[in-house]
N, C-alpha and C. Protein backbone atom coordinates (compact mmCIF):
# COMPACT_ATOMS: atom_id res chain seq x y z
N UNK A 1 169.37 4.99 105.53
CA UNK A 1 169.33 5.65 104.46
C UNK A 1 168.65 6.39 103.74
N UNK A 2 168.73 7.22 105.19
CA UNK A 2 168.55 9.44 104.84
C UNK A 2 169.95 9.45 103.90
N UNK A 3 170.95 9.43 104.00
CA UNK A 3 172.60 8.76 103.34
C UNK A 3 172.36 8.97 102.02
N UNK A 4 171.35 7.72 101.58
CA UNK A 4 171.13 7.14 100.63
C UNK A 4 170.56 7.74 99.76
N UNK A 5 169.40 8.72 100.54
CA UNK A 5 168.45 9.32 99.67
C UNK A 5 169.41 10.36 98.92
N UNK A 6 169.91 11.13 99.86
CA UNK A 6 170.40 12.42 99.76
C UNK A 6 170.88 11.67 98.97
N UNK A 7 172.08 11.02 98.87
CA UNK A 7 172.98 11.20 97.78
C UNK A 7 172.98 10.78 96.52
N UNK A 8 171.15 9.76 96.37
CA UNK A 8 170.72 10.09 95.30
C UNK A 8 170.26 10.98 94.38
N UNK A 9 169.21 11.88 95.89
CA UNK A 9 168.85 13.46 95.44
C UNK A 9 170.14 13.78 95.19
N UNK A 10 171.00 14.43 94.97
CA UNK A 10 172.39 14.63 94.75
C UNK A 10 172.57 14.48 93.45
N UNK A 11 172.56 13.19 92.66
CA UNK A 11 172.93 12.53 91.81
C UNK A 11 172.46 13.14 90.58
N UNK A 12 170.98 13.33 90.76
CA UNK A 12 169.76 13.19 90.20
C UNK A 12 170.02 15.19 89.97
N UNK A 13 170.10 15.83 90.78
CA UNK A 13 170.24 17.20 90.82
C UNK A 13 170.86 17.66 89.84
N UNK A 14 172.85 16.81 90.55
CA UNK A 14 173.48 17.31 89.67
C UNK A 14 173.87 16.81 87.72
N UNK A 15 173.05 15.72 87.58
CA UNK A 15 172.91 15.44 86.23
C UNK A 15 171.60 16.18 85.79
N UNK A 16 170.52 16.47 86.59
CA UNK A 16 169.83 17.53 85.93
C UNK A 16 170.75 19.43 85.57
N UNK A 17 171.33 19.40 86.78
CA UNK A 17 172.48 21.17 86.75
C UNK A 17 173.03 20.81 85.19
N UNK A 18 173.49 19.30 85.46
CA UNK A 18 174.69 19.29 83.37
C UNK A 18 173.93 19.47 82.70
N UNK A 19 172.41 18.43 82.57
CA UNK A 19 171.53 18.85 81.59
C UNK A 19 171.16 20.40 80.64
N UNK A 20 170.93 21.10 82.39
CA UNK A 20 170.42 22.35 81.99
C UNK A 20 171.96 23.60 82.26
N UNK A 21 173.33 23.11 82.27
CA UNK A 21 174.11 23.39 81.64
C UNK A 21 174.56 23.59 80.31
N UNK A 22 174.19 22.82 80.24
CA UNK A 22 174.36 22.03 78.86
C UNK A 22 173.31 22.99 77.41
N UNK A 23 172.04 23.03 77.77
CA UNK A 23 171.22 23.72 77.62
C UNK A 23 172.07 24.91 77.42
N UNK A 24 172.42 25.76 77.90
CA UNK A 24 172.61 26.89 78.79
C UNK A 24 173.45 26.86 77.83
N UNK A 25 174.49 26.69 78.12
CA UNK A 25 176.09 26.77 76.77
C UNK A 25 175.42 26.52 75.68
N UNK A 26 174.76 25.76 75.03
CA UNK A 26 174.39 25.68 73.34
C UNK A 26 173.65 27.01 73.91
N UNK A 27 172.37 27.36 74.12
CA UNK A 27 171.48 28.08 73.67
C UNK A 27 172.13 30.05 74.15
N UNK A 28 172.53 30.06 75.04
CA UNK A 28 172.87 31.42 76.20
C UNK A 28 174.58 31.76 75.98
N UNK A 29 175.36 30.67 75.94
CA UNK A 29 176.76 30.25 76.48
C UNK A 29 177.88 30.90 75.24
N UNK A 30 178.55 30.71 75.00
CA UNK A 30 179.89 31.90 73.78
C UNK A 30 178.90 31.68 72.83
N UNK A 31 179.33 32.93 72.18
CA UNK A 31 178.85 33.33 71.07
C UNK A 31 179.23 32.39 69.63
N UNK A 32 177.50 31.31 69.16
CA UNK A 32 178.28 30.85 68.13
C UNK A 32 178.09 31.07 67.07
N UNK A 33 176.87 32.14 66.88
CA UNK A 33 177.60 33.39 65.71
C UNK A 33 179.21 33.40 64.93
N UNK A 34 180.19 33.63 66.31
CA UNK A 34 181.28 33.20 66.02
C UNK A 34 181.85 32.32 65.40
N UNK A 35 181.32 31.63 64.74
CA UNK A 35 181.72 29.92 64.18
C UNK A 35 180.72 30.28 63.16
N UNK A 36 179.35 30.59 62.75
CA UNK A 36 178.88 30.37 61.73
C UNK A 36 179.18 32.06 60.93
N UNK A 37 178.84 31.40 59.75
CA UNK A 37 178.43 31.93 58.84
C UNK A 37 176.76 32.70 58.71
N UNK A 38 176.67 33.86 58.01
CA UNK A 38 175.83 34.09 57.62
C UNK A 38 174.46 35.31 58.20
N UNK A 39 173.18 34.65 58.66
CA UNK A 39 172.25 35.22 59.07
C UNK A 39 172.62 35.71 60.90
N UNK A 40 173.32 34.59 61.63
CA UNK A 40 173.82 34.97 62.53
C UNK A 40 174.77 35.82 63.18
N UNK A 41 175.70 35.60 62.05
CA UNK A 41 176.54 37.18 62.01
C UNK A 41 176.30 37.95 62.10
N UNK A 42 175.21 37.82 60.99
CA UNK A 42 174.62 39.91 60.70
C UNK A 42 174.30 40.00 61.47
N UNK A 43 172.97 39.37 62.64
CA UNK A 43 172.68 39.76 63.42
C UNK A 43 173.40 39.82 64.62
N UNK A 44 174.97 39.46 65.03
CA UNK A 44 175.22 39.49 66.17
C UNK A 44 176.00 41.15 65.67
N UNK A 45 175.99 41.60 64.72
CA UNK A 45 176.55 42.92 64.03
C UNK A 45 175.55 43.95 64.06
N UNK A 46 174.85 43.24 63.69
CA UNK A 46 173.34 44.41 64.29
C UNK A 46 173.45 44.81 65.48
N UNK A 47 173.43 43.87 66.55
CA UNK A 47 173.00 44.11 68.05
C UNK A 47 174.43 45.11 68.43
N UNK A 48 175.43 44.64 68.37
CA UNK A 48 176.31 45.12 68.44
C UNK A 48 176.54 46.11 67.69
N UNK A 49 176.42 46.84 66.68
CA UNK A 49 176.34 48.34 66.25
C UNK A 49 175.21 49.48 66.90
N UNK A 50 174.26 48.38 67.09
CA UNK A 50 172.89 49.08 68.35
C UNK A 50 173.36 49.35 69.52
N UNK A 51 173.93 48.70 70.13
CA UNK A 51 174.61 48.32 71.52
C UNK A 51 175.82 49.77 71.19
N UNK A 52 176.44 49.94 70.23
CA UNK A 52 177.51 50.74 70.68
C UNK A 52 177.45 52.63 70.07
N UNK A 53 175.87 51.87 69.84
CA UNK A 53 175.52 53.60 69.74
C UNK A 53 175.96 54.34 68.17
N UNK A 54 176.01 53.54 67.37
CA UNK A 54 176.80 53.65 65.50
C UNK A 54 175.55 54.53 65.32
N UNK A 55 175.23 54.31 64.99
CA UNK A 55 173.61 55.11 64.08
C UNK A 55 174.00 56.45 64.80
N UNK A 56 174.05 56.64 66.09
CA UNK A 56 173.41 58.55 66.81
C UNK A 56 174.47 59.00 66.14
N UNK A 57 175.74 59.11 65.38
CA UNK A 57 176.50 60.36 64.80
C UNK A 57 176.73 59.78 62.94
N UNK A 58 176.35 58.36 62.79
CA UNK A 58 176.63 57.83 61.57
C UNK A 58 175.59 58.27 61.10
N UNK A 59 174.16 58.36 61.68
CA UNK A 59 172.87 58.10 60.64
C UNK A 59 172.40 59.76 61.35
N UNK A 60 172.20 60.61 59.60
CA UNK A 60 172.13 62.21 60.43
C UNK A 60 170.36 62.19 61.14
N UNK A 61 170.49 63.06 61.69
CA UNK A 61 168.83 63.62 62.51
C UNK A 61 168.34 64.75 61.64
N UNK A 62 167.19 64.84 61.85
CA UNK A 62 166.24 66.00 61.05
C UNK A 62 165.51 66.13 62.30
N UNK A 63 164.57 67.19 61.92
CA UNK A 63 163.97 67.56 62.72
C UNK A 63 162.23 66.78 62.59
N UNK A 64 161.98 66.66 63.64
CA UNK A 64 160.90 65.76 63.79
C UNK A 64 159.48 66.13 64.40
N UNK A 65 158.59 66.14 65.24
CA UNK A 65 157.53 66.93 65.67
C UNK A 65 157.84 66.75 66.96
N UNK A 66 158.23 65.79 67.49
CA UNK A 66 159.02 65.78 68.57
C UNK A 66 160.38 65.90 69.17
N UNK A 67 160.83 66.95 67.56
CA UNK A 67 162.40 67.52 67.90
C UNK A 67 163.26 66.06 67.45
N UNK A 68 164.47 66.73 67.56
CA UNK A 68 165.27 65.66 66.14
C UNK A 68 164.92 64.40 67.27
N UNK A 69 165.11 63.37 65.22
CA UNK A 69 164.98 62.94 65.70
C UNK A 69 165.90 61.66 64.58
N UNK A 70 166.25 60.51 64.32
CA UNK A 70 167.92 59.68 63.51
C UNK A 70 166.65 59.76 62.07
N UNK A 71 167.23 60.25 60.97
CA UNK A 71 166.57 60.04 59.23
C UNK A 71 167.13 59.11 59.22
N UNK A 72 166.11 57.53 58.90
CA UNK A 72 165.84 56.42 58.93
C UNK A 72 165.84 56.46 57.37
N UNK A 73 165.74 57.47 56.71
CA UNK A 73 165.83 57.47 54.95
C UNK A 73 167.31 57.36 54.94
N UNK A 74 168.42 57.88 55.70
CA UNK A 74 169.71 57.75 54.82
C UNK A 74 170.67 56.94 56.54
N UNK A 75 170.04 56.02 56.98
CA UNK A 75 170.22 55.54 57.75
C UNK A 75 171.88 54.71 57.13
N UNK A 76 172.83 55.22 58.50
CA UNK A 76 174.18 55.09 58.29
C UNK A 76 174.87 55.31 57.45
N UNK A 77 174.42 56.95 56.85
CA UNK A 77 174.82 57.18 55.51
C UNK A 77 176.05 58.54 56.08
N UNK A 78 176.22 58.88 57.51
CA UNK A 78 176.80 60.00 57.77
C UNK A 78 176.57 61.03 57.17
N UNK A 79 177.80 62.15 56.99
CA UNK A 79 177.32 63.40 56.95
C UNK A 79 176.69 63.54 55.44
N UNK A 80 175.26 64.59 55.98
CA UNK A 80 174.84 64.70 54.49
C UNK A 80 175.72 65.51 53.16
N UNK A 81 176.66 64.96 52.27
CA UNK A 81 177.09 66.27 50.92
C UNK A 81 176.51 67.12 50.77
N UNK A 82 175.03 67.15 50.58
CA UNK A 82 174.80 68.39 50.09
C UNK A 82 174.85 69.40 51.65
N UNK A 83 174.99 69.40 52.75
CA UNK A 83 174.71 70.31 53.64
C UNK A 83 175.65 71.14 54.12
N UNK A 84 176.23 71.74 53.18
CA UNK A 84 177.19 73.04 53.96
C UNK A 84 177.17 73.48 55.45
N UNK A 85 177.83 73.77 55.66
CA UNK A 85 178.04 74.05 57.22
C UNK A 85 178.69 75.43 57.47
N UNK A 86 178.15 76.19 58.14
CA UNK A 86 178.88 77.62 58.60
C UNK A 86 179.97 76.99 59.19
N UNK A 87 181.03 77.99 59.26
CA UNK A 87 182.27 78.68 60.53
C UNK A 87 182.11 77.80 61.49
N UNK A 88 182.06 76.92 62.52
CA UNK A 88 182.24 76.13 63.60
C UNK A 88 182.47 78.20 64.57
N UNK A 89 181.06 77.96 66.03
CA UNK A 89 181.80 78.97 66.71
C UNK A 89 182.86 78.92 67.37
N UNK A 90 183.76 79.57 67.45
CA UNK A 90 184.91 79.95 68.08
C UNK A 90 184.88 79.32 69.72
N UNK A 91 185.88 78.85 69.80
CA UNK A 91 185.82 78.19 71.09
C UNK A 91 186.19 78.57 72.58
N UNK A 92 186.27 78.80 73.62
CA UNK A 92 186.58 79.35 75.09
C UNK A 92 186.78 78.08 75.84
N UNK A 93 187.41 78.59 77.01
CA UNK A 93 187.54 77.71 77.90
C UNK A 93 186.73 77.10 78.60
N UNK A 94 185.62 77.16 78.35
CA UNK A 94 183.89 76.49 78.76
C UNK A 94 183.90 75.92 77.30
N UNK A 95 183.94 76.13 76.07
CA UNK A 95 183.44 75.54 74.76
C UNK A 95 184.57 74.86 74.50
N UNK A 96 184.49 73.93 74.10
CA UNK A 96 185.79 72.93 72.96
C UNK A 96 186.06 72.57 71.81
N UNK A 97 184.44 71.70 72.16
CA UNK A 97 184.05 71.56 70.27
C UNK A 97 183.08 71.31 70.67
N UNK A 98 182.45 71.09 69.60
CA UNK A 98 180.90 70.92 68.80
C UNK A 98 180.46 70.79 67.34
N UNK A 99 178.79 70.17 67.50
CA UNK A 99 178.37 68.82 67.02
C UNK A 99 177.50 69.73 65.97
N UNK A 100 177.51 69.58 65.05
CA UNK A 100 176.56 70.13 63.70
C UNK A 100 174.66 69.56 64.02
N UNK A 101 173.87 70.24 63.75
CA UNK A 101 172.62 69.77 64.04
C UNK A 101 172.35 68.54 64.08
N UNK A 102 172.74 68.12 62.94
CA UNK A 102 172.49 66.75 62.35
C UNK A 102 173.50 65.69 62.89
N UNK A 103 174.26 66.00 63.85
CA UNK A 103 174.89 65.20 64.74
C UNK A 103 175.92 64.55 64.33
N UNK A 104 176.47 64.85 62.30
CA UNK A 104 176.95 64.44 61.85
C UNK A 104 178.60 64.79 61.77
N UNK A 105 178.92 66.26 62.33
CA UNK A 105 179.70 66.58 61.62
C UNK A 105 180.59 67.61 63.11
N UNK A 106 181.58 67.32 63.48
CA UNK A 106 182.21 68.06 64.70
C UNK A 106 183.47 68.42 64.39
N UNK A 107 183.29 69.83 65.22
CA UNK A 107 184.31 70.31 64.91
C UNK A 107 185.64 70.96 67.00
N UNK A 108 186.74 70.57 67.23
CA UNK A 108 187.34 70.87 67.83
C UNK A 108 188.65 71.11 68.00
N UNK A 109 190.12 71.00 68.47
CA UNK A 109 191.41 71.60 68.39
C UNK A 109 191.59 70.74 67.14
N UNK A 110 191.26 69.05 66.70
CA UNK A 110 191.65 68.80 65.80
C UNK A 110 191.06 68.75 64.07
N UNK A 111 190.31 70.12 64.72
CA UNK A 111 189.86 70.62 62.76
C UNK A 111 188.58 70.33 63.08
N UNK A 112 187.57 69.68 62.31
CA UNK A 112 186.47 69.33 61.46
C UNK A 112 186.66 67.61 60.73
N UNK A 113 185.72 67.45 61.67
CA UNK A 113 185.61 65.90 61.30
C UNK A 113 184.03 65.45 61.02
N UNK A 114 183.82 64.93 60.03
CA UNK A 114 182.34 64.40 59.10
C UNK A 114 182.12 63.04 59.56
N UNK A 115 180.87 62.21 59.53
CA UNK A 115 181.09 61.14 60.58
C UNK A 115 180.80 59.74 58.51
N UNK A 116 181.49 59.36 58.60
CA UNK A 116 181.86 58.58 57.92
C UNK A 116 180.64 57.72 56.56
N UNK A 117 180.07 57.60 55.98
CA UNK A 117 179.08 56.68 55.29
C UNK A 117 179.33 54.99 55.38
N UNK A 118 178.47 54.46 56.06
CA UNK A 118 178.97 53.11 56.99
C UNK A 118 178.05 51.94 55.88
N UNK A 119 176.94 52.56 54.80
CA UNK A 119 176.38 52.00 53.83
C UNK A 119 177.49 51.49 52.99
N UNK A 120 176.50 49.98 52.58
CA UNK A 120 177.11 49.05 51.13
C UNK A 120 177.38 50.21 50.49
N UNK A 121 177.33 51.41 50.23
CA UNK A 121 177.68 51.92 48.37
C UNK A 121 178.48 51.44 48.33
N UNK A 122 179.17 51.52 47.19
CA UNK A 122 180.51 51.12 46.30
C UNK A 122 181.55 52.13 46.14
N UNK A 123 180.23 52.88 46.29
CA UNK A 123 181.90 54.30 45.51
C UNK A 123 181.63 54.96 47.00
N UNK A 124 180.82 55.74 47.86
CA UNK A 124 180.91 56.23 49.00
C UNK A 124 180.99 55.84 50.09
N UNK A 125 180.50 54.70 49.86
CA UNK A 125 180.57 54.29 51.96
C UNK A 125 181.45 52.58 52.18
N UNK A 126 181.38 52.01 52.40
CA UNK A 126 181.77 50.63 52.98
C UNK A 126 182.14 49.54 51.45
N UNK A 127 181.02 49.51 50.30
CA UNK A 127 181.05 48.02 49.61
C UNK A 127 181.90 47.90 48.95
N UNK A 128 182.75 48.71 48.43
CA UNK A 128 184.26 48.02 48.39
C UNK A 128 185.64 47.91 49.48
N UNK A 129 184.91 48.40 50.79
CA UNK A 129 186.01 47.54 51.81
C UNK A 129 185.98 46.63 51.79
N UNK A 130 187.44 46.00 52.06
CA UNK A 130 187.98 44.63 52.56
C UNK A 130 187.25 44.43 54.01
N UNK A 131 186.70 43.75 54.68
CA UNK A 131 186.77 43.02 56.28
C UNK A 131 187.46 43.23 56.45
N UNK A 132 188.70 42.52 56.36
CA UNK A 132 190.28 43.19 56.80
C UNK A 132 190.42 44.49 57.50
N UNK A 133 189.96 45.37 56.50
CA UNK A 133 190.28 47.44 56.16
C UNK A 133 189.60 47.36 57.44
N UNK A 134 187.99 47.57 57.49
CA UNK A 134 186.87 47.19 57.95
C UNK A 134 187.90 47.15 59.99
N UNK A 135 187.95 46.01 59.82
CA UNK A 135 189.08 45.26 61.12
C UNK A 135 190.29 46.09 61.68
N UNK A 136 190.34 46.21 60.46
CA UNK A 136 192.19 47.40 61.21
C UNK A 136 191.68 48.92 61.32
N UNK A 137 190.65 49.52 60.72
CA UNK A 137 190.44 50.57 60.84
C UNK A 137 190.33 50.53 62.61
N UNK A 138 189.22 49.79 62.96
CA UNK A 138 188.43 50.03 64.41
C UNK A 138 190.28 49.53 65.32
N UNK A 139 191.02 48.57 64.99
CA UNK A 139 192.01 48.39 66.07
C UNK A 139 192.62 49.54 65.98
N UNK A 140 193.18 50.36 64.62
CA UNK A 140 194.50 50.93 64.95
C UNK A 140 193.67 52.39 65.02
N UNK A 141 193.11 52.94 64.95
CA UNK A 141 192.50 54.45 64.32
C UNK A 141 192.63 54.70 63.16
N UNK A 142 193.39 54.00 62.07
CA UNK A 142 193.62 54.44 60.91
C UNK A 142 192.65 54.16 59.93
N UNK A 143 192.62 55.23 59.12
CA UNK A 143 190.68 55.01 58.31
C UNK A 143 191.75 53.85 57.42
N UNK A 144 191.15 53.16 56.80
CA UNK A 144 191.17 51.62 55.78
C UNK A 144 192.35 50.92 56.54
N UNK A 145 192.50 51.46 57.94
CA UNK A 145 193.64 50.74 58.82
C UNK A 145 195.16 50.79 58.50
N UNK A 146 194.99 51.71 57.45
CA UNK A 146 196.61 52.24 56.84
C UNK A 146 195.84 53.78 56.66
N UNK A 147 195.61 54.60 56.02
CA UNK A 147 195.33 55.65 56.16
C UNK A 147 195.22 56.96 57.45
N UNK A 148 195.00 57.58 56.72
CA UNK A 148 194.85 59.21 58.19
C UNK A 148 194.46 58.24 59.32
N UNK A 149 194.68 59.44 60.81
CA UNK A 149 194.39 59.40 61.80
C UNK A 149 192.48 59.24 61.90
N UNK A 150 191.45 58.69 62.27
CA UNK A 150 190.40 58.35 62.44
C UNK A 150 189.86 59.23 63.53
N UNK A 151 189.69 60.56 63.33
CA UNK A 151 189.18 62.04 64.61
C UNK A 151 188.57 61.10 65.57
N UNK A 152 188.67 62.63 66.30
CA UNK A 152 187.29 62.75 67.54
C UNK A 152 186.28 63.28 66.48
N UNK A 153 185.22 63.07 67.22
CA UNK A 153 183.96 62.19 68.48
C UNK A 153 184.55 60.65 68.36
N UNK A 154 184.84 60.07 66.58
CA UNK A 154 184.80 58.81 66.75
C UNK A 154 185.06 57.93 67.62
N UNK A 155 185.17 56.84 68.27
CA UNK A 155 184.84 56.45 69.80
C UNK A 155 186.46 54.64 69.37
N UNK A 156 186.61 54.89 68.17
CA UNK A 156 187.61 53.52 67.61
C UNK A 156 188.88 52.70 68.89
N UNK A 157 189.11 53.92 69.91
CA UNK A 157 189.51 53.11 70.95
C UNK A 157 188.76 52.32 72.06
N UNK A 158 188.11 52.72 71.78
CA UNK A 158 186.51 52.03 72.84
C UNK A 158 186.41 50.88 72.01
N UNK A 159 186.27 51.23 70.61
CA UNK A 159 185.78 49.79 69.96
C UNK A 159 187.37 49.11 69.60
N UNK A 160 188.51 48.94 69.61
CA UNK A 160 189.35 48.33 69.76
C UNK A 160 189.40 47.04 70.44
N UNK A 161 188.53 48.02 71.82
CA UNK A 161 188.60 46.11 72.56
C UNK A 161 188.08 45.77 72.14
N UNK A 162 187.00 45.46 71.16
CA UNK A 162 185.52 44.48 71.34
C UNK A 162 186.29 43.45 69.89
N UNK A 163 186.49 42.42 69.66
CA UNK A 163 187.60 40.56 69.53
C UNK A 163 187.32 41.10 67.56
N UNK A 164 188.12 40.73 67.28
CA UNK A 164 188.10 40.27 65.93
C UNK A 164 186.63 39.89 64.63
N UNK A 165 186.63 38.71 65.70
CA UNK A 165 185.04 38.31 65.42
C UNK A 165 184.46 39.15 65.83
N UNK A 166 183.73 39.71 66.47
CA UNK A 166 183.19 40.93 66.03
C UNK A 166 182.57 42.37 65.45
N UNK A 167 184.17 42.67 65.35
CA UNK A 167 184.41 43.56 64.48
C UNK A 167 183.90 43.18 63.33
N UNK A 168 184.03 41.77 62.96
CA UNK A 168 183.99 41.60 61.49
C UNK A 168 181.92 40.97 61.53
N UNK A 169 181.60 40.47 62.61
CA UNK A 169 180.22 40.72 62.42
C UNK A 169 179.27 41.95 62.07
N UNK A 170 179.56 42.72 62.31
CA UNK A 170 179.48 44.62 62.50
C UNK A 170 180.04 44.65 60.67
N UNK A 171 180.70 44.52 60.47
CA UNK A 171 181.21 45.19 58.74
C UNK A 171 180.26 44.00 57.95
N UNK A 172 180.26 42.81 58.93
CA UNK A 172 178.99 41.85 57.92
C UNK A 172 177.41 42.31 58.36
N UNK A 173 177.53 43.09 59.12
CA UNK A 173 175.72 43.64 58.72
C UNK A 173 176.11 44.51 58.29
N UNK A 174 176.99 46.23 58.09
CA UNK A 174 176.97 46.79 57.59
C UNK A 174 176.87 46.85 55.86
N UNK A 175 177.30 45.49 55.46
CA UNK A 175 177.41 45.44 53.73
C UNK A 175 175.93 44.41 53.94
N UNK A 176 174.63 45.03 54.39
CA UNK A 176 173.25 45.11 54.55
C UNK A 176 172.64 46.18 54.28
N UNK A 177 173.75 46.95 55.00
CA UNK A 177 172.39 48.21 55.56
C UNK A 177 172.42 49.02 53.20
N UNK A 178 171.44 48.72 52.96
CA UNK A 178 170.96 49.68 51.66
C UNK A 178 171.85 50.54 51.60
N UNK A 179 172.71 50.45 50.28
CA UNK A 179 173.60 51.75 49.48
C UNK A 179 172.99 53.21 49.75
N UNK A 180 173.66 53.89 50.34
CA UNK A 180 172.76 55.48 50.48
C UNK A 180 174.28 55.82 49.50
N UNK A 181 174.12 56.60 48.25
CA UNK A 181 175.67 57.15 47.94
C UNK A 181 175.26 58.79 48.48
N UNK A 182 176.29 58.80 49.11
CA UNK A 182 176.49 60.08 50.01
C UNK A 182 178.25 60.58 50.30
N UNK A 183 178.74 61.13 49.18
CA UNK A 183 180.02 61.31 49.69
C UNK A 183 180.60 63.05 50.40
N UNK A 184 180.75 62.10 51.60
CA UNK A 184 180.63 62.18 53.44
C UNK A 184 182.66 63.20 52.66
N UNK A 185 182.44 64.75 52.99
CA UNK A 185 183.27 65.75 53.34
C UNK A 185 184.15 64.78 53.63
N UNK A 186 185.66 65.66 53.32
CA UNK A 186 186.96 65.26 53.53
C UNK A 186 186.94 66.11 55.11
N UNK A 187 187.80 65.03 56.20
CA UNK A 187 188.93 65.68 57.34
C UNK A 187 189.76 67.44 56.75
N UNK A 188 188.80 67.97 57.99
CA UNK A 188 189.81 69.20 57.28
C UNK A 188 190.62 69.90 59.18
N UNK A 189 191.41 69.27 58.70
CA UNK A 189 192.75 69.51 59.92
C UNK A 189 192.12 71.26 60.32
N UNK A 190 192.87 71.70 61.50
CA UNK A 190 192.52 72.90 62.13
C UNK A 190 193.83 74.03 61.37
N UNK A 191 192.77 74.89 61.00
CA UNK A 191 192.77 76.18 60.43
C UNK A 191 194.58 77.10 61.09
N UNK A 192 195.65 76.58 60.00
CA UNK A 192 196.38 77.20 60.68
C UNK A 192 197.20 78.74 60.80
């Protein structure tokens, strides 16, 4: 009798486990946003952009009451075009690369690189880019997937490990970011 009760309990428990597993699969399992269009994909992209720290460099910093803070009126707009920088400090054995006060421009042995405008602006941001160009840029480390190399400190090598679905979600999210007309300066190779 104990064996029969044990078997019934086991069967009941397994059935409950199967139901719980199915619910977990639907609610928290494989990303449903990968197969859907619209809001879920955009939400996934926003999550990935936040988790990857993209705004840390692509949103200019401004001085706030407690120190530097992101200028959310310029969210993802890259290095401010009107901000002209002085020449970077001279590197030595202990300091090899430098960042601007806005955290949007960087100087090092590669030259001077500027954080790109990732907003949906069609002239100066990603508004005229195709989804495939964005995916290829982050997979290959080349601007628009075919242009000049993407320079440090942009961590494209790490981002290249994301799935194409994740990169598409990031692009979809960026297309919802309000456009900020901001023409970022061109990359400057090292002085010869």
